[in-house]
PDB file of N, CA and C in Angstrom:
ATOM      1  N   UNK A   1     -88.027 -21.279 132.051  1.00  0.00           N
ATOM      2  CA  UNK A   1     -88.199 -21.416 130.619  1.00  0.00           C
ATOM      3  C   UNK A   1     -88.456 -20.040 130.010  1.00  0.00           C
ATOM      4  N   UNK A   2     -87.725 -19.714 128.963  1.00  0.00           N
ATOM      5  CA  UNK A   2     -87.878 -18.438 128.276  1.00  0.00           C
ATOM      6  C   UNK A   2     -88.937 -18.545 127.174  1.00  0.00           C
ATOM      7  N   UNK A   3     -89.769 -17.524 127.088  1.00  0.00           N
ATOM      8  CA  UNK A   3     -90.754 -17.405 126.012  1.00  0.00           C
ATOM      9  C   UNK A   3     -90.362 -16.172 125.217  1.00  0.00           C
ATOM     10  N   UNK A   4     -90.344 -16.296 123.884  1.00  0.00           N
ATOM     11  CA  UNK A   4     -89.897 -15.213 123.009  1.00  0.00           C
ATOM     12  C   UNK A   4     -91.060 -14.607 122.253  1.00  0.00           C
ATOM     13  N   UNK A   5     -90.981 -13.301 122.018  1.00  0.00           N
ATOM     14  CA  UNK A   5     -92.011 -12.557 121.297  1.00  0.00           C
ATOM     15  C   UNK A   5     -91.325 -11.591 120.337  1.00  0.00           C
ATOM     16  N   UNK A   6     -91.966 -11.348 119.211  1.00  0.00           N
ATOM     17  CA  UNK A   6     -91.477 -10.367 118.250  1.00  0.00           C
ATOM     18  C   UNK A   6     -92.561  -9.331 118.029  1.00  0.00           C
ATOM     19  N   UNK A   7     -92.164  -8.065 117.990  1.00  0.00           N
ATOM     20  CA  UNK A   7     -93.092  -6.973 117.706  1.00  0.00           C
ATOM     21  C   UNK A   7     -92.705  -6.359 116.358  1.00  0.00           C
ATOM     22  N   UNK A   8     -93.465  -6.654 115.305  1.00  0.00           N
ATOM     23  CA  UNK A   8     -93.158  -6.081 113.993  1.00  0.00           C
ATOM     24  C   UNK A   8     -93.397  -4.575 113.994  1.00  0.00           C
ATOM     25  N   UNK A   9     -92.526  -3.874 113.272  1.00  0.00           N
ATOM     26  CA  UNK A   9     -92.628  -2.417 113.202  1.00  0.00           C
ATOM     27  C   UNK A   9     -93.171  -1.930 111.859  1.00  0.00           C
ATOM     28  N   UNK A  10     -93.412  -2.856 110.931  1.00  0.00           N
ATOM     29  CA  UNK A  10     -94.007  -2.483 109.646  1.00  0.00           C
ATOM     30  C   UNK A  10     -94.780  -3.675 109.083  1.00  0.00           C
ATOM     31  N   UNK A  11     -95.574  -3.415 108.047  1.00  0.00           N
ATOM     32  CA  UNK A  11     -96.433  -4.458 107.461  1.00  0.00           C
ATOM     33  C   UNK A  11     -95.636  -5.605 106.848  1.00  0.00           C
ATOM     34  N   UNK A  12     -94.543  -5.294 106.162  1.00  0.00           N
ATOM     35  CA  UNK A  12     -93.717  -6.333 105.547  1.00  0.00           C
ATOM     36  C   UNK A  12     -93.195  -7.311 106.600  1.00  0.00           C
ATOM     37  N   UNK A  13     -92.666  -6.773 107.679  1.00  0.00           N
ATOM     38  CA  UNK A  13     -92.144  -7.624 108.751  1.00  0.00           C
ATOM     39  C   UNK A  13     -93.269  -8.441 109.382  1.00  0.00           C
ATOM     40  N   UNK A  14     -94.408  -7.813 109.588  1.00  0.00           N
ATOM     41  CA  UNK A  14     -95.544  -8.525 110.171  1.00  0.00           C
ATOM     42  C   UNK A  14     -95.956  -9.706 109.294  1.00  0.00           C
ATOM     43  N   UNK A  15     -95.994  -9.509 107.983  1.00  0.00           N
ATOM     44  CA  UNK A  15     -96.377 -10.588 107.071  1.00  0.00           C
ATOM     45  C   UNK A  15     -95.371 -11.743 107.121  1.00  0.00           C
ATOM     46  N   UNK A  16     -94.100 -11.419 107.177  1.00  0.00           N
ATOM     47  CA  UNK A  16     -93.073 -12.468 107.232  1.00  0.00           C
ATOM     48  C   UNK A  16     -93.167 -13.255 108.531  1.00  0.00           C
ATOM     49  N   UNK A  17     -93.321 -12.560 109.643  1.00  0.00           N
ATOM     50  CA  UNK A  17     -93.454 -13.252 110.936  1.00  0.00           C
ATOM     51  C   UNK A  17     -94.724 -14.099 110.950  1.00  0.00           C
ATOM     52  N   UNK A  18     -95.825 -13.551 110.445  1.00  0.00           N
ATOM     53  CA  UNK A  18     -97.110 -14.260 110.447  1.00  0.00           C
ATOM     54  C   UNK A  18     -97.045 -15.566 109.656  1.00  0.00           C
ATOM     55  N   UNK A  19     -96.226 -15.604 108.597  1.00  0.00           N
ATOM     56  CA  UNK A  19     -96.083 -16.831 107.803  1.00  0.00           C
ATOM     57  C   UNK A  19     -95.459 -17.976 108.601  1.00  0.00           C
ATOM     58  N   UNK A  20     -94.729 -17.633 109.648  1.00  0.00           N
ATOM     59  CA  UNK A  20     -94.003 -18.640 110.422  1.00  0.00           C
ATOM     60  C   UNK A  20     -94.634 -18.930 111.785  1.00  0.00           C
ATOM     61  N   UNK A  21     -95.727 -18.255 112.089  1.00  0.00           N
ATOM     62  CA  UNK A  21     -96.384 -18.434 113.390  1.00  0.00           C
ATOM     63  C   UNK A  21     -97.837 -18.850 113.182  1.00  0.00           C
ATOM     64  N   UNK A  22     -98.402 -19.410 114.202  1.00  0.00           N
ATOM     65  CA  UNK A  22     -99.824 -19.752 114.183  1.00  0.00           C
ATOM     66  C   UNK A  22    -100.640 -18.525 114.558  1.00  0.00           C
ATOM     67  N   UNK A  23    -101.867 -18.472 114.076  1.00  0.00           N
ATOM     68  CA  UNK A  23    -102.741 -17.339 114.363  1.00  0.00           C
ATOM     69  C   UNK A  23    -102.903 -17.125 115.870  1.00  0.00           C
ATOM     70  N   UNK A  24    -102.979 -18.212 116.619  1.00  0.00           N
ATOM     71  CA  UNK A  24    -103.160 -18.080 118.072  1.00  0.00           C
ATOM     72  C   UNK A  24    -101.903 -17.586 118.792  1.00  0.00           C
ATOM     73  N   UNK A  25    -100.794 -17.466 118.071  1.00  0.00           N
ATOM     74  CA  UNK A  25     -99.568 -16.919 118.652  1.00  0.00           C
ATOM     75  C   UNK A  25     -99.541 -15.394 118.620  1.00  0.00           C
ATOM     76  N   UNK A  26    -100.551 -14.779 117.998  1.00  0.00           N
ATOM     77  CA  UNK A  26    -100.617 -13.320 117.961  1.00  0.00           C
ATOM     78  C   UNK A  26    -101.304 -12.807 119.208  1.00  0.00           C
ATOM     79  N   UNK A  27    -100.649 -11.895 119.905  1.00  0.00           N
ATOM     80  CA  UNK A  27    -101.185 -11.295 121.123  1.00  0.00           C
ATOM     81  C   UNK A  27    -101.363  -9.803 120.873  1.00  0.00           C
ATOM     82  N   UNK A  28    -102.606  -9.361 120.878  1.00  0.00           N
ATOM     83  CA  UNK A  28    -102.918  -7.970 120.573  1.00  0.00           C
ATOM     84  C   UNK A  28    -102.975  -7.119 121.832  1.00  0.00           C
ATOM     85  N   UNK A  29    -102.313  -5.971 121.771  1.00  0.00           N
ATOM     86  CA  UNK A  29    -102.377  -4.967 122.832  1.00  0.00           C
ATOM     87  C   UNK A  29    -102.024  -5.517 124.220  1.00  0.00           C
ATOM     88  N   UNK A  30    -100.927  -6.249 124.290  1.00  0.00           N
ATOM     89  CA  UNK A  30    -100.458  -6.814 125.561  1.00  0.00           C
ATOM     90  C   UNK A  30     -99.710  -5.735 126.342  1.00  0.00           C
ATOM     91  N   UNK A  31    -100.050  -5.557 127.609  1.00  0.00           N
ATOM     92  CA  UNK A  31     -99.327  -4.609 128.449  1.00  0.00           C
ATOM     93  C   UNK A  31     -98.048  -5.294 128.919  1.00  0.00           C
ATOM     94  N   UNK A  32     -96.920  -4.683 128.606  1.00  0.00           N
ATOM     95  CA  UNK A  32     -95.616  -5.251 128.956  1.00  0.00           C
ATOM     96  C   UNK A  32     -95.027  -4.519 130.151  1.00  0.00           C
ATOM     97  N   UNK A  33     -93.845  -4.918 130.543  1.00  0.00           N
ATOM     98  CA  UNK A  33     -93.201  -4.355 131.727  1.00  0.00           C
ATOM     99  C   UNK A  33     -93.028  -2.835 131.632  1.00  0.00           C
ATOM    100  N   UNK A  34     -92.898  -2.310 130.417  1.00  0.00           N
ATOM    101  CA  UNK A  34     -92.735  -0.865 130.238  1.00  0.00           C
ATOM    102  C   UNK A  34     -94.045  -0.086 130.433  1.00  0.00           C
ATOM    103  N   UNK A  35     -95.149  -0.802 130.670  1.00  0.00           N
ATOM    104  CA  UNK A  35     -96.447  -0.178 130.888  1.00  0.00           C
ATOM    105  C   UNK A  35     -97.179   0.163 129.609  1.00  0.00           C
ATOM    106  N   UNK A  36     -96.561  -0.119 128.454  1.00  0.00           N
ATOM    107  CA  UNK A  36     -97.167   0.175 127.164  1.00  0.00           C
ATOM    108  C   UNK A  36     -97.798  -1.076 126.563  1.00  0.00           C
ATOM    109  N   UNK A  37     -98.711  -0.859 125.633  1.00  0.00           N
ATOM    110  CA  UNK A  37     -99.366  -1.973 124.933  1.00  0.00           C
ATOM    111  C   UNK A  37     -98.600  -2.275 123.649  1.00  0.00           C
ATOM    112  N   UNK A  38     -98.405  -3.563 123.396  1.00  0.00           N
ATOM    113  CA  UNK A  38     -97.663  -4.008 122.225  1.00  0.00           C
ATOM    114  C   UNK A  38     -98.418  -5.136 121.534  1.00  0.00           C
ATOM    115  N   UNK A  39     -98.310  -5.187 120.194  1.00  0.00           N
ATOM    116  CA  UNK A  39     -98.835  -6.302 119.404  1.00  0.00           C
ATOM    117  C   UNK A  39     -97.676  -7.256 119.164  1.00  0.00           C
ATOM    118  N   UNK A  40     -97.758  -8.433 119.745  1.00  0.00           N
ATOM    119  CA  UNK A  40     -96.639  -9.366 119.743  1.00  0.00           C
ATOM    120  C   UNK A  40     -96.996 -10.703 119.105  1.00  0.00           C
ATOM    121  N   UNK A  41     -95.990 -11.308 118.493  1.00  0.00           N
ATOM    122  CA  UNK A  41     -96.085 -12.687 118.014  1.00  0.00           C
ATOM    123  C   UNK A  41     -95.225 -13.551 118.919  1.00  0.00           C
ATOM    124  N   UNK A  42     -95.821 -14.560 119.551  1.00  0.00           N
ATOM    125  CA  UNK A  42     -95.054 -15.534 120.322  1.00  0.00           C
ATOM    126  C   UNK A  42     -94.326 -16.417 119.302  1.00  0.00           C
ATOM    127  N   UNK A  43     -93.045 -16.668 119.530  1.00  0.00           N
ATOM    128  CA  UNK A  43     -92.282 -17.439 118.548  1.00  0.00           C
ATOM    129  C   UNK A  43     -91.270 -18.342 119.233  1.00  0.00           C
ATOM    130  N   UNK A  44     -90.732 -19.248 118.464  1.00  0.00           N
ATOM    131  CA  UNK A  44     -89.701 -20.156 118.980  1.00  0.00           C
ATOM    132  C   UNK A  44     -88.357 -19.438 119.012  1.00  0.00           C
ATOM    133  N   UNK A  45     -87.459 -19.979 119.774  1.00  0.00           N
ATOM    134  CA  UNK A  45     -86.097 -19.438 119.826  1.00  0.00           C
ATOM    135  C   UNK A  45     -85.439 -19.556 118.452  1.00  0.00           C
ATOM    136  N   UNK A  46     -85.723 -20.644 117.750  1.00  0.00           N
ATOM    137  CA  UNK A  46     -85.152 -20.862 116.419  1.00  0.00           C
ATOM    138  C   UNK A  46     -85.620 -19.781 115.438  1.00  0.00           C
ATOM    139  N   UNK A  47     -86.907 -19.431 115.459  1.00  0.00           N
ATOM    140  CA  UNK A  47     -87.415 -18.394 114.568  1.00  0.00           C
ATOM    141  C   UNK A  47     -86.803 -17.042 114.930  1.00  0.00           C
ATOM    142  N   UNK A  48     -86.732 -16.739 116.223  1.00  0.00           N
ATOM    143  CA  UNK A  48     -86.120 -15.478 116.663  1.00  0.00           C
ATOM    144  C   UNK A  48     -84.693 -15.377 116.148  1.00  0.00           C
ATOM    145  N   UNK A  49     -83.929 -16.447 116.300  1.00  0.00           N
ATOM    146  CA  UNK A  49     -82.536 -16.467 115.859  1.00  0.00           C
ATOM    147  C   UNK A  49     -82.433 -16.292 114.346  1.00  0.00           C
ATOM    148  N   UNK A  50     -83.273 -16.994 113.604  1.00  0.00           N
ATOM    149  CA  UNK A  50     -83.249 -16.912 112.140  1.00  0.00           C
ATOM    150  C   UNK A  50     -83.612 -15.510 111.653  1.00  0.00           C
ATOM    151  N   UNK A  51     -84.624 -14.906 112.249  1.00  0.00           N
ATOM    152  CA  UNK A  51     -85.026 -13.571 111.816  1.00  0.00           C
ATOM    153  C   UNK A  51     -83.996 -12.520 112.213  1.00  0.00           C
ATOM    154  N   UNK A  52     -83.372 -12.670 113.357  1.00  0.00           N
ATOM    155  CA  UNK A  52     -82.302 -11.746 113.722  1.00  0.00           C
ATOM    156  C   UNK A  52     -81.142 -11.837 112.740  1.00  0.00           C
ATOM    157  N   UNK A  53     -80.812 -13.055 112.309  1.00  0.00           N
ATOM    158  CA  UNK A  53     -79.725 -13.253 111.350  1.00  0.00           C
ATOM    159  C   UNK A  53     -80.070 -12.672 109.983  1.00  0.00           C
ATOM    160  N   UNK A  54     -81.359 -12.621 109.651  1.00  0.00           N
ATOM    161  CA  UNK A  54     -81.811 -12.136 108.335  1.00  0.00           C
ATOM    162  C   UNK A  54     -82.306 -10.692 108.374  1.00  0.00           C
ATOM    163  N   UNK A  55     -82.262 -10.086 109.523  1.00  0.00           N
ATOM    164  CA  UNK A  55     -82.875  -8.768 109.724  1.00  0.00           C
ATOM    165  C   UNK A  55     -82.383  -7.725 108.713  1.00  0.00           C
ATOM    166  N   UNK A  56     -81.099  -7.609 108.552  1.00  0.00           N
ATOM    167  CA  UNK A  56     -80.547  -6.604 107.648  1.00  0.00           C
ATOM    168  C   UNK A  56     -80.823  -6.959 106.187  1.00  0.00           C
ATOM    169  N   UNK A  57     -80.555  -8.202 105.828  1.00  0.00           N
ATOM    170  CA  UNK A  57     -80.706  -8.653 104.439  1.00  0.00           C
ATOM    171  C   UNK A  57     -82.151  -8.527 103.948  1.00  0.00           C
ATOM    172  N   UNK A  58     -83.119  -8.861 104.804  1.00  0.00           N
ATOM    173  CA  UNK A  58     -84.535  -8.803 104.422  1.00  0.00           C
ATOM    174  C   UNK A  58     -85.201  -7.472 104.787  1.00  0.00           C
ATOM    175  N   UNK A  59     -84.411  -6.572 105.371  1.00  0.00           N
ATOM    176  CA  UNK A  59     -84.921  -5.258 105.802  1.00  0.00           C
ATOM    177  C   UNK A  59     -86.088  -5.399 106.772  1.00  0.00           C
ATOM    178  N   UNK A  60     -85.920  -6.282 107.748  1.00  0.00           N
ATOM    179  CA  UNK A  60     -86.951  -6.506 108.752  1.00  0.00           C
ATOM    180  C   UNK A  60     -86.830  -5.470 109.857  1.00  0.00           C
ATOM    181  N   UNK A  61     -87.974  -5.062 110.371  1.00  0.00           N
ATOM    182  CA  UNK A  61     -88.011  -4.094 111.463  1.00  0.00           C
ATOM    183  C   UNK A  61     -88.874  -4.680 112.569  1.00  0.00           C
ATOM    184  N   UNK A  62     -88.226  -5.082 113.660  1.00  0.00           N
ATOM    185  CA  UNK A  62     -88.972  -5.647 114.787  1.00  0.00           C
ATOM    186  C   UNK A  62     -88.178  -5.478 116.076  1.00  0.00           C
ATOM    187  N   UNK A  63     -88.898  -5.577 117.180  1.00  0.00           N
ATOM    188  CA  UNK A  63     -88.292  -5.592 118.505  1.00  0.00           C
ATOM    189  C   UNK A  63     -88.460  -6.988 119.083  1.00  0.00           C
ATOM    190  N   UNK A  64     -87.540  -7.356 119.958  1.00  0.00           N
ATOM    191  CA  UNK A  64     -87.579  -8.665 120.605  1.00  0.00           C
ATOM    192  C   UNK A  64     -87.986  -8.475 122.067  1.00  0.00           C
ATOM    193  N   UNK A  65     -88.932  -9.278 122.491  1.00  0.00           N
ATOM    194  CA  UNK A  65     -89.392  -9.276 123.874  1.00  0.00           C
ATOM    195  C   UNK A  65     -89.248 -10.695 124.418  1.00  0.00           C
ATOM    196  N   UNK A  66     -89.175 -10.813 125.743  1.00  0.00           N
ATOM    197  CA  UNK A  66     -89.136 -12.147 126.342  1.00  0.00           C
ATOM    198  C   UNK A  66     -89.786 -12.128 127.714  1.00  0.00           C
ATOM    199  N   UNK A  67     -90.110 -13.325 128.151  1.00  0.00           N
ATOM    200  CA  UNK A  67     -90.683 -13.543 129.472  1.00  0.00           C
ATOM    201  C   UNK A  67     -90.086 -14.834 130.014  1.00  0.00           C
ATOM    202  N   UNK A  68     -89.799 -14.846 131.288  1.00  0.00           N
ATOM    203  CA  UNK A  68     -89.260 -16.057 131.889  1.00  0.00           C
ATOM    204  C   UNK A  68     -90.271 -16.593 132.896  1.00  0.00           C
ATOM    205  N   UNK A  69     -90.596 -17.866 132.746  1.00  0.00           N
ATOM    206  CA  UNK A  69     -91.506 -18.544 133.669  1.00  0.00           C
ATOM    207  C   UNK A  69     -92.795 -17.767 133.921  1.00  0.00           C
ATOM    208  N   UNK A  70     -93.444 -17.317 132.859  1.00  0.00           N
ATOM    209  CA  UNK A  70     -94.719 -16.586 132.915  1.00  0.00           C
ATOM    210  C   UNK A  70     -94.610 -15.259 133.659  1.00  0.00           C
ATOM    211  N   UNK A  71     -93.422 -14.712 133.757  1.00  0.00           N
ATOM    212  CA  UNK A  71     -93.214 -13.410 134.384  1.00  0.00           C
ATOM    213  C   UNK A  71     -93.591 -12.296 133.422  1.00  0.00           C
ATOM    214  N   UNK A  72     -93.251 -11.060 133.783  1.00  0.00           N
ATOM    215  CA  UNK A  72     -93.586  -9.931 132.915  1.00  0.00           C
ATOM    216  C   UNK A  72     -92.857 -10.022 131.576  1.00  0.00           C
ATOM    217  N   UNK A  73     -93.489  -9.499 130.549  1.00  0.00           N
ATOM    218  CA  UNK A  73     -92.893  -9.489 129.211  1.00  0.00           C
ATOM    219  C   UNK A  73     -92.037  -8.227 129.105  1.00  0.00           C
ATOM    220  N   UNK A  74     -90.762  -8.435 128.777  1.00  0.00           N
ATOM    221  CA  UNK A  74     -89.798  -7.327 128.744  1.00  0.00           C
ATOM    222  C   UNK A  74     -89.194  -7.173 127.360  1.00  0.00           C
ATOM    223  N   UNK A  75     -88.917  -5.919 126.984  1.00  0.00           N
ATOM    224  CA  UNK A  75     -88.192  -5.643 125.756  1.00  0.00           C
ATOM    225  C   UNK A  75     -86.722  -5.984 126.008  1.00  0.00           C
ATOM    226  N   UNK A  76     -86.159  -6.824 125.142  1.00  0.00           N
ATOM    227  CA  UNK A  76     -84.762  -7.232 125.302  1.00  0.00           C
ATOM    228  C   UNK A  76     -83.924  -6.882 124.074  1.00  0.00           C
ATOM    229  N   UNK A  77     -84.320  -5.829 123.362  1.00  0.00           N
ATOM    230  CA  UNK A  77     -83.561  -5.395 122.185  1.00  0.00           C
ATOM    231  C   UNK A  77     -82.099  -5.123 122.521  1.00  0.00           C
ATOM    232  N   UNK A  78     -81.840  -4.674 123.736  1.00  0.00           N
ATOM    233  CA  UNK A  78     -80.462  -4.351 124.121  1.00  0.00           C
ATOM    234  C   UNK A  78     -79.534  -5.555 123.984  1.00  0.00           C
ATOM    235  N   UNK A  79     -80.076  -6.751 124.039  1.00  0.00           N
ATOM    236  CA  UNK A  79     -79.248  -7.952 123.901  1.00  0.00           C
ATOM    237  C   UNK A  79     -78.760  -8.144 122.465  1.00  0.00           C
ATOM    238  N   UNK A  80     -79.434  -7.523 121.507  1.00  0.00           N
ATOM    239  CA  UNK A  80     -79.150  -7.770 120.095  1.00  0.00           C
ATOM    240  C   UNK A  80     -78.685  -6.533 119.343  1.00  0.00           C
ATOM    241  N   UNK A  81     -78.486  -5.434 120.053  1.00  0.00           N
ATOM    242  CA  UNK A  81     -78.049  -4.216 119.362  1.00  0.00           C
ATOM    243  C   UNK A  81     -76.559  -4.319 119.032  1.00  0.00           C
ATOM    244  N   UNK A  82     -76.197  -3.701 117.937  1.00  0.00           N
ATOM    245  CA  UNK A  82     -74.784  -3.698 117.528  1.00  0.00           C
ATOM    246  C   UNK A  82     -74.015  -2.813 118.498  1.00  0.00           C
ATOM    247  N   UNK A  83     -72.953  -3.340 119.013  1.00  0.00           N
ATOM    248  CA  UNK A  83     -72.129  -2.599 119.951  1.00  0.00           C
ATOM    249  C   UNK A  83     -70.909  -2.059 119.243  1.00  0.00           C
ATOM    250  N   UNK A  84     -70.647  -0.798 119.470  1.00  0.00           N
ATOM    251  CA  UNK A  84     -69.448  -0.199 118.885  1.00  0.00           C
ATOM    252  C   UNK A  84     -68.321  -0.354 119.893  1.00  0.00           C
ATOM    253  N   UNK A  85     -67.198  -0.772 119.422  1.00  0.00           N
ATOM    254  CA  UNK A  85     -66.059  -0.938 120.310  1.00  0.00           C
ATOM    255  C   UNK A  85     -65.010   0.109 119.988  1.00  0.00           C
ATOM    256  N   UNK A  86     -64.332   0.563 121.011  1.00  0.00           N
ATOM    257  CA  UNK A  86     -63.252   1.536 120.840  1.00  0.00           C
ATOM    258  C   UNK A  86     -61.965   0.803 120.545  1.00  0.00           C
ATOM    259  N   UNK A  87     -61.213   1.375 119.665  1.00  0.00           N
ATOM    260  CA  UNK A  87     -59.884   0.818 119.404  1.00  0.00           C
ATOM    261  C   UNK A  87     -58.966   1.273 120.520  1.00  0.00           C
ATOM    262  N   UNK A  88     -58.207   0.358 121.008  1.00  0.00           N
ATOM    263  CA  UNK A  88     -57.262   0.700 122.072  1.00  0.00           C
ATOM    264  C   UNK A  88     -56.150   1.570 121.490  1.00  0.00           C
ATOM    265  N   UNK A  89     -55.804   2.609 122.218  1.00  0.00           N
ATOM    266  CA  UNK A  89     -54.719   3.475 121.765  1.00  0.00           C
ATOM    267  C   UNK A  89     -53.414   2.985 122.368  1.00  0.00           C
ATOM    268  N   UNK A  90     -52.369   3.065 121.584  1.00  0.00           N
ATOM    269  CA  UNK A  90     -51.073   2.581 122.052  1.00  0.00           C
ATOM    270  C   UNK A  90     -50.189   3.733 122.441  1.00  0.00           C
TER     271      UNK A  90
END
């Protein structure tokens, strides 16, 4: 089972995420797989998907983290970064 977390990068984003999460879903200074401490909001997959879809329009700044089966919490931003593709040359 996947557990999703969002790390807001500014106050506006934090306020928007906080409106959709319970207070007990906030995890302060959690040590993640990268060895660094992060302030994370545990969230549903639906909220993660909705905020990713609205990220540009609402000017949201956050990182996405996940954990599988209570394993280490990992940054998974690479899954959602815009990929540039090369045009094939003829």
